[in-house]
PDB file of N, CA and C in Angstrom:
ATOM      1  N   MET A   1     125.074 111.153  99.916  1.00  0.00           N
ATOM      2  CA  MET A   1     123.745 110.582  99.720  1.00  0.00           C
ATOM      3  C   MET A   1     123.223 111.009  98.351  1.00  0.00           C
ATOM      4  N   HIS A   2     122.930 110.046  97.527  1.00  0.00           N
ATOM      5  CA  HIS A   2     122.337 110.302  96.217  1.00  0.00           C
ATOM      6  C   HIS A   2     121.030 109.529  96.155  1.00  0.00           C
ATOM      7  N   ILE A   3     120.045 110.068  96.804  1.00  0.00           N
ATOM      8  CA  ILE A   3     118.771 109.360  96.950  1.00  0.00           C
ATOM      9  C   ILE A   3     118.105 109.148  95.588  1.00  0.00           C
ATOM     10  N   ALA A   4     118.260 110.082  94.664  1.00  0.00           N
ATOM     11  CA  ALA A   4     117.648 109.925  93.344  1.00  0.00           C
ATOM     12  C   ALA A   4     118.260 108.749  92.602  1.00  0.00           C
ATOM     13  N   GLN A   5     119.562 108.545  92.743  1.00  0.00           N
ATOM     14  CA  GLN A   5     120.214 107.420  92.075  1.00  0.00           C
ATOM     15  C   GLN A   5     119.834 106.095  92.724  1.00  0.00           C
ATOM     16  N   LYS A   6     119.636 106.114  94.031  1.00  0.00           N
ATOM     17  CA  LYS A   6     119.303 104.878  94.741  1.00  0.00           C
ATOM     18  C   LYS A   6     117.843 104.487  94.591  1.00  0.00           C
ATOM     19  N   ALA A   7     116.953 105.479  94.662  1.00  0.00           N
ATOM     20  CA  ALA A   7     115.538 105.132  94.745  1.00  0.00           C
ATOM     21  C   ALA A   7     114.638 105.888  93.777  1.00  0.00           C
ATOM     22  N   GLY A   8     115.195 106.740  92.949  1.00  0.00           N
ATOM     23  CA  GLY A   8     114.385 107.429  91.953  1.00  0.00           C
ATOM     24  C   GLY A   8     114.123 108.885  92.287  1.00  0.00           C
ATOM     25  N   ASP A   9     113.709 109.608  91.273  1.00  0.00           N
ATOM     26  CA  ASP A   9     113.494 111.047  91.407  1.00  0.00           C
ATOM     27  C   ASP A   9     112.369 111.394  92.367  1.00  0.00           C
ATOM     28  N   GLN A  10     111.274 110.646  92.334  1.00  0.00           N
ATOM     29  CA  GLN A  10     110.140 110.978  93.200  1.00  0.00           C
ATOM     30  C   GLN A  10     110.511 110.846  94.671  1.00  0.00           C
ATOM     31  N   THR A  11     111.339 109.877  95.000  1.00  0.00           N
ATOM     32  CA  THR A  11     111.806 109.719  96.370  1.00  0.00           C
ATOM     33  C   THR A  11     112.642 110.919  96.783  1.00  0.00           C
ATOM     34  N   ALA A  12     113.503 111.383  95.883  1.00  0.00           N
ATOM     35  CA  ALA A  12     114.327 112.554  96.166  1.00  0.00           C
ATOM     36  C   ALA A  12     113.466 113.796  96.360  1.00  0.00           C
ATOM     37  N   VAL A  13     112.432 113.932  95.562  1.00  0.00           N
ATOM     38  CA  VAL A  13     111.523 115.076  95.698  1.00  0.00           C
ATOM     39  C   VAL A  13     110.803 115.012  97.042  1.00  0.00           C
ATOM     40  N   ASN A  14     110.339 113.821  97.431  1.00  0.00           N
ATOM     41  CA  ASN A  14     109.671 113.677  98.732  1.00  0.00           C
ATOM     42  C   ASN A  14     110.602 114.074  99.867  1.00  0.00           C
ATOM     43  N   TYR A  15     111.856 113.629  99.806  1.00  0.00           N
ATOM     44  CA  TYR A  15     112.836 113.990 100.838  1.00  0.00           C
ATOM     45  C   TYR A  15     113.024 115.501 100.866  1.00  0.00           C
ATOM     46  N   ASP A  16     113.198 116.103  99.710  1.00  0.00           N
ATOM     47  CA  ASP A  16     113.460 117.535  99.629  1.00  0.00           C
ATOM     48  C   ASP A  16     112.300 118.356 100.183  1.00  0.00           C
ATOM     49  N   VAL A  17     111.086 117.992  99.801  1.00  0.00           N
ATOM     50  CA  VAL A  17     109.903 118.725 100.275  1.00  0.00           C
ATOM     51  C   VAL A  17     109.793 118.638 101.797  1.00  0.00           C
ATOM     52  N   ASN A  18     109.943 117.428 102.338  1.00  0.00           N
ATOM     53  CA  ASN A  18     109.841 117.260 103.790  1.00  0.00           C
ATOM     54  C   ASN A  18     110.992 117.950 104.516  1.00  0.00           C
ATOM     55  N   PHE A  19     112.192 117.899 103.951  1.00  0.00           N
ATOM     56  CA  PHE A  19     113.339 118.577 104.551  1.00  0.00           C
ATOM     57  C   PHE A  19     113.087 120.078 104.633  1.00  0.00           C
ATOM     58  N   ARG A  20     112.606 120.658 103.556  1.00  0.00           N
ATOM     59  CA  ARG A  20     112.356 122.103 103.543  1.00  0.00           C
ATOM     60  C   ARG A  20     111.253 122.498 104.527  1.00  0.00           C
ATOM     61  N   LYS A  21     110.227 121.664 104.658  1.00  0.00           N
ATOM     62  CA  LYS A  21     109.172 121.950 105.641  1.00  0.00           C
ATOM     63  C   LYS A  21     109.735 121.954 107.058  1.00  0.00           C
ATOM     64  N   TRP A  22     110.517 120.921 107.385  1.00  0.00           N
ATOM     65  CA  TRP A  22     111.123 120.845 108.721  1.00  0.00           C
ATOM     66  C   TRP A  22     112.074 122.003 108.948  1.00  0.00           C
ATOM     67  N   ARG A  23     112.838 122.341 107.921  1.00  0.00           N
ATOM     68  CA  ARG A  23     113.842 123.398 108.049  1.00  0.00           C
ATOM     69  C   ARG A  23     113.197 124.752 108.304  1.00  0.00           C
ATOM     70  N   GLN A  24     112.011 124.991 107.801  1.00  0.00           N
ATOM     71  CA  GLN A  24     111.319 126.251 108.046  1.00  0.00           C
ATOM     72  C   GLN A  24     110.978 126.420 109.522  1.00  0.00           C
ATOM     73  N   THR A  25     110.674 125.325 110.185  1.00  0.00           N
ATOM     74  CA  THR A  25     110.293 125.419 111.590  1.00  0.00           C
ATOM     75  C   THR A  25     111.482 125.394 112.534  1.00  0.00           C
ATOM     76  N   ALA A  26     112.569 124.718 112.157  1.00  0.00           N
ATOM     77  CA  ALA A  26     113.735 124.606 113.044  1.00  0.00           C
ATOM     78  C   ALA A  26     115.027 124.571 112.227  1.00  0.00           C
ATOM     79  N   PRO A  27     115.431 125.707 111.667  1.00  0.00           N
ATOM     80  CA  PRO A  27     116.610 125.704 110.790  1.00  0.00           C
ATOM     81  C   PRO A  27     117.907 125.289 111.481  1.00  0.00           C
ATOM     82  N   HIS A  28     118.024 125.554 112.775  1.00  0.00           N
ATOM     83  CA  HIS A  28     119.250 125.197 113.489  1.00  0.00           C
ATOM     84  C   HIS A  28     119.377 123.686 113.714  1.00  0.00           C
ATOM     85  N   LEU A  29     118.278 122.949 113.594  1.00  0.00           N
ATOM     86  CA  LEU A  29     118.311 121.498 113.797  1.00  0.00           C
ATOM     87  C   LEU A  29     118.584 120.710 112.518  1.00  0.00           C
ATOM     88  N   LEU A  30     118.441 121.367 111.372  1.00  0.00           N
ATOM     89  CA  LEU A  30     118.610 120.676 110.088  1.00  0.00           C
ATOM     90  C   LEU A  30     119.595 121.430 109.191  1.00  0.00           C
ATOM     91  N   PRO A  31     120.879 121.200 109.393  1.00  0.00           N
ATOM     92  CA  PRO A  31     121.845 121.856 108.500  1.00  0.00           C
ATOM     93  C   PRO A  31     121.781 121.256 107.093  1.00  0.00           C
ATOM     94  N   TYR A  32     122.044 122.095 106.097  1.00  0.00           N
ATOM     95  CA  TYR A  32     121.986 121.638 104.705  1.00  0.00           C
ATOM     96  C   TYR A  32     123.057 120.619 104.365  1.00  0.00           C
ATOM     97  N   ASN A  33     124.166 120.639 105.070  1.00  0.00           N
ATOM     98  CA  ASN A  33     125.276 119.755 104.717  1.00  0.00           C
ATOM     99  C   ASN A  33     125.174 118.368 105.345  1.00  0.00           C
ATOM    100  N   GLN A  34     124.072 118.068 106.019  1.00  0.00           N
ATOM    101  CA  GLN A  34     123.886 116.755 106.628  1.00  0.00           C
ATOM    102  C   GLN A  34     122.532 116.172 106.211  1.00  0.00           C
ATOM    103  N   ALA A  35     122.536 114.892 105.901  1.00  0.00           N
ATOM    104  CA  ALA A  35     121.281 114.209 105.589  1.00  0.00           C
ATOM    105  C   ALA A  35     120.557 113.892 106.889  1.00  0.00           C
ATOM    106  N   ASN A  36     119.248 113.985 106.856  1.00  0.00           N
ATOM    107  CA  ASN A  36     118.431 113.642 108.012  1.00  0.00           C
ATOM    108  C   ASN A  36     117.959 112.203 107.840  1.00  0.00           C
ATOM    109  N   SER A  37     118.403 111.330 108.730  1.00  0.00           N
ATOM    110  CA  SER A  37     118.111 109.898 108.566  1.00  0.00           C
ATOM    111  C   SER A  37     116.619 109.590 108.663  1.00  0.00           C
ATOM    112  N   GLU A  38     115.901 110.309 109.501  1.00  0.00           N
ATOM    113  CA  GLU A  38     114.459 110.058 109.626  1.00  0.00           C
ATOM    114  C   GLU A  38     113.733 110.405 108.328  1.00  0.00           C
ATOM    115  N   LEU A  39     114.050 111.552 107.761  1.00  0.00           N
ATOM    116  CA  LEU A  39     113.419 111.949 106.504  1.00  0.00           C
ATOM    117  C   LEU A  39     113.845 111.034 105.351  1.00  0.00           C
ATOM    118  N   TYR A  40     115.100 110.594 105.390  1.00  0.00           N
ATOM    119  CA  TYR A  40     115.620 109.682 104.369  1.00  0.00           C
ATOM    120  C   TYR A  40     114.846 108.369 104.394  1.00  0.00           C
ATOM    121  N   GLN A  41     114.684 107.797 105.579  1.00  0.00           N
ATOM    122  CA  GLN A  41     113.947 106.531 105.705  1.00  0.00           C
ATOM    123  C   GLN A  41     112.485 106.702 105.315  1.00  0.00           C
ATOM    124  N   GLU A  42     111.903 107.833 105.685  1.00  0.00           N
ATOM    125  CA  GLU A  42     110.506 108.089 105.331  1.00  0.00           C
ATOM    126  C   GLU A  42     110.337 108.169 103.816  1.00  0.00           C
ATOM    127  N   ALA A  43     111.279 108.834 103.138  1.00  0.00           N
ATOM    128  CA  ALA A  43     111.210 108.941 101.681  1.00  0.00           C
ATOM    129  C   ALA A  43     111.353 107.570 101.025  1.00  0.00           C
ATOM    130  N   LEU A  44     112.283 106.761 101.517  1.00  0.00           N
ATOM    131  CA  LEU A  44     112.469 105.419 100.958  1.00  0.00           C
ATOM    132  C   LEU A  44     111.243 104.548 101.197  1.00  0.00           C
ATOM    133  N   THR A  45     110.669 104.648 102.372  1.00  0.00           N
ATOM    134  CA  THR A  45     109.476 103.862 102.702  1.00  0.00           C
ATOM    135  C   THR A  45     108.300 104.265 101.825  1.00  0.00           C
ATOM    136  N   SER A  46     108.102 105.555 101.622  1.00  0.00           N
ATOM    137  CA  SER A  46     106.994 105.993 100.772  1.00  0.00           C
ATOM    138  C   SER A  46     107.190 105.505  99.341  1.00  0.00           C
ATOM    139  N   ASN A  47     108.446 105.420  98.901  1.00  0.00           N
ATOM    140  CA  ASN A  47     108.736 104.910  97.562  1.00  0.00           C
ATOM    141  C   ASN A  47     108.378 103.428  97.461  1.00  0.00           C
ATOM    142  N   ILE A  48     108.665 102.656  98.489  1.00  0.00           N
ATOM    143  CA  ILE A  48     108.336 101.229  98.488  1.00  0.00           C
ATOM    144  C   ILE A  48     106.832 101.033  98.414  1.00  0.00           C
ATOM    145  N   PHE A  49     106.075 101.786  99.222  1.00  0.00           N
ATOM    146  CA  PHE A  49     104.623 101.656  99.207  1.00  0.00           C
ATOM    147  C   PHE A  49     104.043 102.093  97.872  1.00  0.00           C
ATOM    148  N   ARG A  50     104.612 103.138  97.279  1.00  0.00           N
ATOM    149  CA  ARG A  50     104.123 103.617  95.991  1.00  0.00           C
ATOM    150  C   ARG A  50     104.374 102.561  94.913  1.00  0.00           C
ATOM    151  N   ARG A  51     105.550 101.940  94.927  1.00  0.00           N
ATOM    152  CA  ARG A  51     105.857 100.906  93.932  1.00  0.00           C
ATOM    153  C   ARG A  51     104.964  99.688  94.113  1.00  0.00           C
ATOM    154  N   ASN A  52     104.718  99.280  95.346  1.00  0.00           N
ATOM    155  CA  ASN A  52     103.837  98.135  95.589  1.00  0.00           C
ATOM    156  C   ASN A  52     102.423  98.441  95.143  1.00  0.00           C
ATOM    157  N   GLY A  53     101.982  99.651  95.331  1.00  0.00           N
ATOM    158  CA  GLY A  53     100.641 100.046  94.904  1.00  0.00           C
ATOM    159  C   GLY A  53     100.508 100.045  93.399  1.00  0.00           C
ATOM    160  N   SER A  54     101.582 100.407  92.686  1.00  0.00           N
ATOM    161  CA  SER A  54     101.502 100.434  91.228  1.00  0.00           C
ATOM    162  C   SER A  54     101.562  99.044  90.625  1.00  0.00           C
ATOM    163  N   ASN A  55     102.008  98.052  91.382  1.00  0.00           N
ATOM    164  CA  ASN A  55     102.084  96.685  90.875  1.00  0.00           C
ATOM    165  C   ASN A  55     100.753  95.955  90.963  1.00  0.00           C
ATOM    166  N   LYS A  56      99.757  96.560  91.552  1.00  0.00           N
ATOM    167  CA  LYS A  56      98.469  95.887  91.686  1.00  0.00           C
ATOM    168  C   LYS A  56      97.841  95.592  90.329  1.00  0.00           C
ATOM    169  N   SER A  57      98.131  96.429  89.327  1.00  0.00           N
ATOM    170  CA  SER A  57      97.530  96.201  88.020  1.00  0.00           C
ATOM    171  C   SER A  57      98.102  94.966  87.337  1.00  0.00           C
ATOM    172  N   SER A  58      99.253  94.466  87.801  1.00  0.00           N
ATOM    173  CA  SER A  58      99.810  93.268  87.190  1.00  0.00           C
ATOM    174  C   SER A  58      99.256  91.991  87.803  1.00  0.00           C
ATOM    175  N   GLN A  59      98.444  92.114  88.823  1.00  0.00           N
ATOM    176  CA  GLN A  59      97.809  90.954  89.430  1.00  0.00           C
ATOM    177  C   GLN A  59      96.658  90.496  88.538  1.00  0.00           C
ATOM    178  N   PRO A  60      96.396  89.211  88.463  1.00  0.00           N
ATOM    179  CA  PRO A  60      95.273  88.742  87.647  1.00  0.00           C
ATOM    180  C   PRO A  60      93.952  89.284  88.183  1.00  0.00           C
ATOM    181  N   ASN A  61      93.090  89.716  87.264  1.00  0.00           N
ATOM    182  CA  ASN A  61      91.775  90.171  87.698  1.00  0.00           C
ATOM    183  C   ASN A  61      90.781  89.014  87.607  1.00  0.00           C
ATOM    184  N   GLN A  62      89.525  89.293  87.794  1.00  0.00           N
ATOM    185  CA  GLN A  62      88.525  88.229  87.857  1.00  0.00           C
ATOM    186  C   GLN A  62      88.442  87.432  86.563  1.00  0.00           C
ATOM    187  N   SER A  63      88.744  88.072  85.439  1.00  0.00           N
ATOM    188  CA  SER A  63      88.647  87.341  84.172  1.00  0.00           C
ATOM    189  C   SER A  63      89.903  86.532  83.886  1.00  0.00           C
ATOM    190  N   GLY A  64      90.932  86.647  84.765  1.00  0.00           N
ATOM    191  CA  GLY A  64      92.150  85.878  84.584  1.00  0.00           C
ATOM    192  C   GLY A  64      93.187  86.565  83.721  1.00  0.00           C
ATOM    193  N   GLN A  65      92.899  87.760  83.215  1.00  0.00           N
ATOM    194  CA  GLN A  65      93.850  88.486  82.388  1.00  0.00           C
ATOM    195  C   GLN A  65      94.702  89.369  83.274  1.00  0.00           C
ATOM    196  N   GLN A  66      96.006  89.439  82.970  1.00  0.00           N
ATOM    197  CA  GLN A  66      96.905  90.262  83.758  1.00  0.00           C
ATOM    198  C   GLN A  66      97.040  91.638  83.132  1.00  0.00           C
ATOM    199  N   GLY A  67      97.087  92.682  84.011  1.00  0.00           N
ATOM    200  CA  GLY A  67      97.389  94.027  83.574  1.00  0.00           C
ATOM    201  C   GLY A  67      96.288  94.713  82.788  1.00  0.00           C
ATOM    202  N   GLN A  68      95.158  94.087  82.553  1.00  0.00           N
ATOM    203  CA  GLN A  68      94.080  94.718  81.808  1.00  0.00           C
ATOM    204  C   GLN A  68      92.858  94.792  82.706  1.00  0.00           C
ATOM    205  N   SER A  69      92.312  95.979  82.794  1.00  0.00           N
ATOM    206  CA  SER A  69      91.101  96.120  83.596  1.00  0.00           C
ATOM    207  C   SER A  69      89.877  96.022  82.683  1.00  0.00           C
ATOM    208  N   GLN A  70      88.776  95.686  83.263  1.00  0.00           N
ATOM    209  CA  GLN A  70      87.543  95.601  82.491  1.00  0.00           C
ATOM    210  C   GLN A  70      87.102  97.007  82.162  1.00  0.00           C
ATOM    211  N   PRO A  71      86.502  97.201  80.995  1.00  0.00           N
ATOM    212  CA  PRO A  71      86.046  98.537  80.618  1.00  0.00           C
ATOM    213  C   PRO A  71      84.978  99.029  81.582  1.00  0.00           C
ATOM    214  N   LYS A  72      85.060 100.309  81.870  1.00  0.00           N
ATOM    215  CA  LYS A  72      84.084 100.941  82.762  1.00  0.00           C
ATOM    216  C   LYS A  72      83.094 101.738  81.937  1.00  0.00           C
ATOM    217  N   ILE A  73      81.857 101.682  82.337  1.00  0.00           N
ATOM    218  CA  ILE A  73      80.811 102.376  81.618  1.00  0.00           C
ATOM    219  C   ILE A  73      80.452 103.639  82.368  1.00  0.00           C
ATOM    220  N   CYS A  74      80.429 104.746  81.651  1.00  0.00           N
ATOM    221  CA  CYS A  74      80.076 106.029  82.257  1.00  0.00           C
ATOM    222  C   CYS A  74      78.697 106.425  81.759  1.00  0.00           C
ATOM    223  N   PHE A  75      77.789 106.733  82.665  1.00  0.00           N
ATOM    224  CA  PHE A  75      76.435 107.114  82.282  1.00  0.00           C
ATOM    225  C   PHE A  75      76.258 108.606  82.354  1.00  0.00           C
TER     226      PHE A  75
END
């Protein structure tokens, strides 16, 4: 399993963080030499949602321009 090559570094980091959390509570259930399919799918799913969320800026805004937001005024 090369999750970073398949889905990117952030997905691999998410898998690693969740794996280590689970392993702290039940080390006998999560051997290091086996991938956990539930954590793998969760990492891939979070990557899909993150990518879809980042594509929102490419949608046309009210002025019809793509990828550009209207300036915000700070008081």
